C-alpha atoms as a PDB file:
ATOM      1  CA  MET A   1     -11.181  -4.481  10.488  1.00  0.00           C
ATOM      2  CA  ALA A   2     -13.222  -5.358   7.432  1.00  0.00           C
ATOM      3  CA  GLY A   3     -13.953  -8.996   8.458  1.00  0.00           C
ATOM      4  CA  ALA A   4     -12.989 -11.644  10.955  1.00  0.00           C
ATOM      5  CA  ASN A   5      -9.631 -12.281   9.371  1.00  0.00           C
ATOM      6  CA  GLN A   6      -9.340  -9.272   7.034  1.00  0.00           C
ATOM      7  CA  LEU A   7      -7.420  -6.125   7.749  1.00  0.00           C
ATOM      8  CA  PHE A   8      -8.634  -2.915   6.203  1.00  0.00           C
ATOM      9  CA  TRP A   9      -5.633  -0.923   5.045  1.00  0.00           C
ATOM     10  CA  THR A  10      -6.474   2.688   5.720  1.00  0.00           C
ATOM     11  CA  PRO A  11      -4.251   5.524   4.353  1.00  0.00           C
ATOM     12  CA  PRO A  12      -2.672   6.114   7.795  1.00  0.00           C
ATOM     13  CA  MET A  13      -1.946   2.382   8.204  1.00  0.00           C
ATOM     14  CA  LEU A  14      -0.423   2.241   4.688  1.00  0.00           C
ATOM     15  CA  ALA A  15       1.729   5.277   5.476  1.00  0.00           C
ATOM     16  CA  LYS A  16       2.962   3.560   8.693  1.00  0.00           C
ATOM     17  CA  LEU A  17       3.515   0.295   6.792  1.00  0.00           C
ATOM     18  CA  THR A  18       5.533   2.182   4.215  1.00  0.00           C
ATOM     19  CA  GLN A  19       7.558   4.006   6.873  1.00  0.00           C
ATOM     20  CA  LEU A  20       8.380   0.788   8.744  1.00  0.00           C
ATOM     21  CA  HIS A  21       9.174  -1.177   5.578  1.00  0.00           C
ATOM     22  CA  GLN A  22      11.423   1.588   4.242  1.00  0.00           C
ATOM     23  CA  ALA A  23      13.196   1.683   7.632  1.00  0.00           C
ATOM     24  CA  GLY A  24      14.181  -1.896   7.038  1.00  0.00           C
ATOM     25  CA  LEU A  25      12.244  -3.562   9.822  1.00  0.00           C
ATOM     26  CA  PRO A  26      11.575  -7.306   9.331  1.00  0.00           C
ATOM     27  CA  GLY A  27       8.051  -8.343   8.300  1.00  0.00           C
ATOM     28  CA  SER A  28       7.338  -9.951  11.636  1.00  0.00           C
ATOM     29  CA  GLN A  29       8.122  -6.782  13.524  1.00  0.00           C
ATOM     30  CA  VAL A  30       6.088  -4.587  11.115  1.00  0.00           C
ATOM     31  CA  ALA A  31       3.204  -7.031  11.536  1.00  0.00           C
ATOM     32  CA  LEU A  32       3.437  -6.885  15.356  1.00  0.00           C
ATOM     33  CA  THR A  33       3.555  -3.047  15.320  1.00  0.00           C
ATOM     34  CA  LEU A  34       0.512  -2.752  13.025  1.00  0.00           C
ATOM     35  CA  GLY A  35      -1.487  -5.582  14.716  1.00  0.00           C
ATOM     36  CA  ALA A  36      -1.516  -7.626  11.486  1.00  0.00           C
ATOM     37  CA  THR A  37      -0.186 -10.973  10.392  1.00  0.00           C
ATOM     38  CA  ARG A  38       3.075 -11.342   8.413  1.00  0.00           C
ATOM     39  CA  GLY A  39       0.980 -12.598   5.480  1.00  0.00           C
ATOM     40  CA  ALA A  40      -1.224  -9.507   5.542  1.00  0.00           C
ATOM     41  CA  VAL A  41       1.884  -7.257   5.642  1.00  0.00           C
ATOM     42  CA  ALA A  42       3.564  -9.131   2.827  1.00  0.00           C
ATOM     43  CA  SER A  43       0.343  -9.039   0.782  1.00  0.00           C
ATOM     44  CA  ALA A  44      -0.112  -5.290   1.330  1.00  0.00           C
ATOM     45  CA  ILE A  45       3.533  -4.627   0.346  1.00  0.00           C
ATOM     46  CA  VAL A  46       2.920  -6.398  -2.985  1.00  0.00           C
ATOM     47  CA  ARG A  47      -0.638  -5.126  -3.532  1.00  0.00           C
ATOM     48  CA  TYR A  48       0.208  -1.454  -2.966  1.00  0.00           C
ATOM     49  CA  GLY A  49       3.679  -1.667  -4.587  1.00  0.00           C
ATOM     50  CA  ILE A  50       5.572  -0.568  -1.461  1.00  0.00           C
ATOM     51  CA  LYS A  51       9.311  -0.486  -2.157  1.00  0.00           C
ATOM     52  CA  LYS A  52      12.112   0.583   0.058  1.00  0.00           C
ATOM     53  CA  ASP A  53      13.179   3.414  -2.244  1.00  0.00           C
ATOM     54  CA  SER A  54       9.736   4.601  -3.464  1.00  0.00           C
ATOM     55  CA  ILE A  55       7.655   7.736  -2.914  1.00  0.00           C
ATOM     56  CA  SER A  56       4.534   7.486  -0.780  1.00  0.00           C
ATOM     57  CA  ARG A  57       1.562   9.477  -2.248  1.00  0.00           C
ATOM     58  CA  PRO A  58      -2.217   9.351  -2.646  1.00  0.00           C
ATOM     59  CA  CYS A  59      -3.666   7.961  -5.870  1.00  0.00           C
ATOM     60  CA  LEU A  60      -5.374  10.668  -7.979  1.00  0.00           C
ATOM     61  CA  ASN A  61      -8.337   8.393  -8.631  1.00  0.00           C
ATOM     62  CA  CYS A  62      -9.131   6.513  -5.358  1.00  0.00           C
ATOM     63  CA  ARG A  63      -7.049   8.640  -2.915  1.00  0.00           C
ATOM     64  CA  MET A  64      -5.538   5.521  -1.363  1.00  0.00           C
ATOM     65  CA  VAL A  65      -1.894   5.971  -0.359  1.00  0.00           C
ATOM     66  CA  PHE A  66       0.482   3.926  -2.526  1.00  0.00           C
ATOM     67  CA  CYS A  67       4.180   3.880  -3.231  1.00  0.00           C
ATOM     68  CA  ALA A  68       5.326   5.196  -6.651  1.00  0.00           C
ATOM     69  CA  GLU A  69       8.693   4.378  -8.119  1.00  0.00           C
ATOM     70  CA  SER A  70       8.802   7.797  -9.762  1.00  0.00           C
ATOM     71  CA  LYS A  71       7.443  11.216  -8.971  1.00  0.00           C
ATOM     72  CA  PHE A  72       5.543  11.016 -12.279  1.00  0.00           C
ATOM     73  CA  ILE A  73       3.381   8.023 -11.324  1.00  0.00           C
ATOM     74  CA  ARG A  74       0.050   9.247 -10.041  1.00  0.00           C
ATOM     75  CA  LEU A  75      -2.240   6.200 -10.094  1.00  0.00           C
ATOM     76  CA  CYS A  76      -2.026   3.144  -7.824  1.00  0.00           C
ATOM     77  CA  ASN A  77      -1.667  -0.314  -9.356  1.00  0.00           C
ATOM     78  CA  VAL A  78      -5.367  -1.125  -8.757  1.00  0.00           C
ATOM     79  CA  CYS A  79      -6.594   1.984 -10.562  1.00  0.00           C
ATOM     80  CA  LYS A  80      -3.958   1.736 -13.229  1.00  0.00           C
ATOM     81  CA  SER A  81      -5.171  -1.786 -14.126  1.00  0.00           C
ATOM     82  CA  SER A  82      -8.890  -0.790 -14.017  1.00  0.00           C
ATOM     83  CA  SER A  83     -10.549  -0.837 -17.400  1.00  0.00           C
ATOM     84  CA  ASP A  84     -12.590   2.292 -16.505  1.00  0.00           C
ATOM     85  CA  ILE A  85      -9.481   4.348 -16.127  1.00  0.00           C
ATOM     86  CA  MET A  86      -7.790   2.922 -19.202  1.00  0.00           C
ATOM     87  CA  CYS A  87     -10.801   3.605 -21.387  1.00  0.00           C
ATOM     88  CA  GLY A  88     -11.359   7.091 -19.974  1.00  0.00           C
ATOM     89  CA  ALA A  89     -14.902   6.191 -18.834  1.00  0.00           C
END
């Protein structure tokens, strides 16, 4: 855990979150399985772009596991929106 109330989403935890979410488990059950709150699970699903029909893969920039809607998407949403990546710096 990163802080008192913060959950650090490691690549294995994100992979498990993706697996459970894609299996159709309700958020409360996913949260219980991962030892997180429903809010943390919902937030991670949005932040990392986890969809029920997406592909789980590591980001080419930060190596964090994220869900891509297409096999051609290689950067996570965080890195994609980073000005350093966009400017080629």
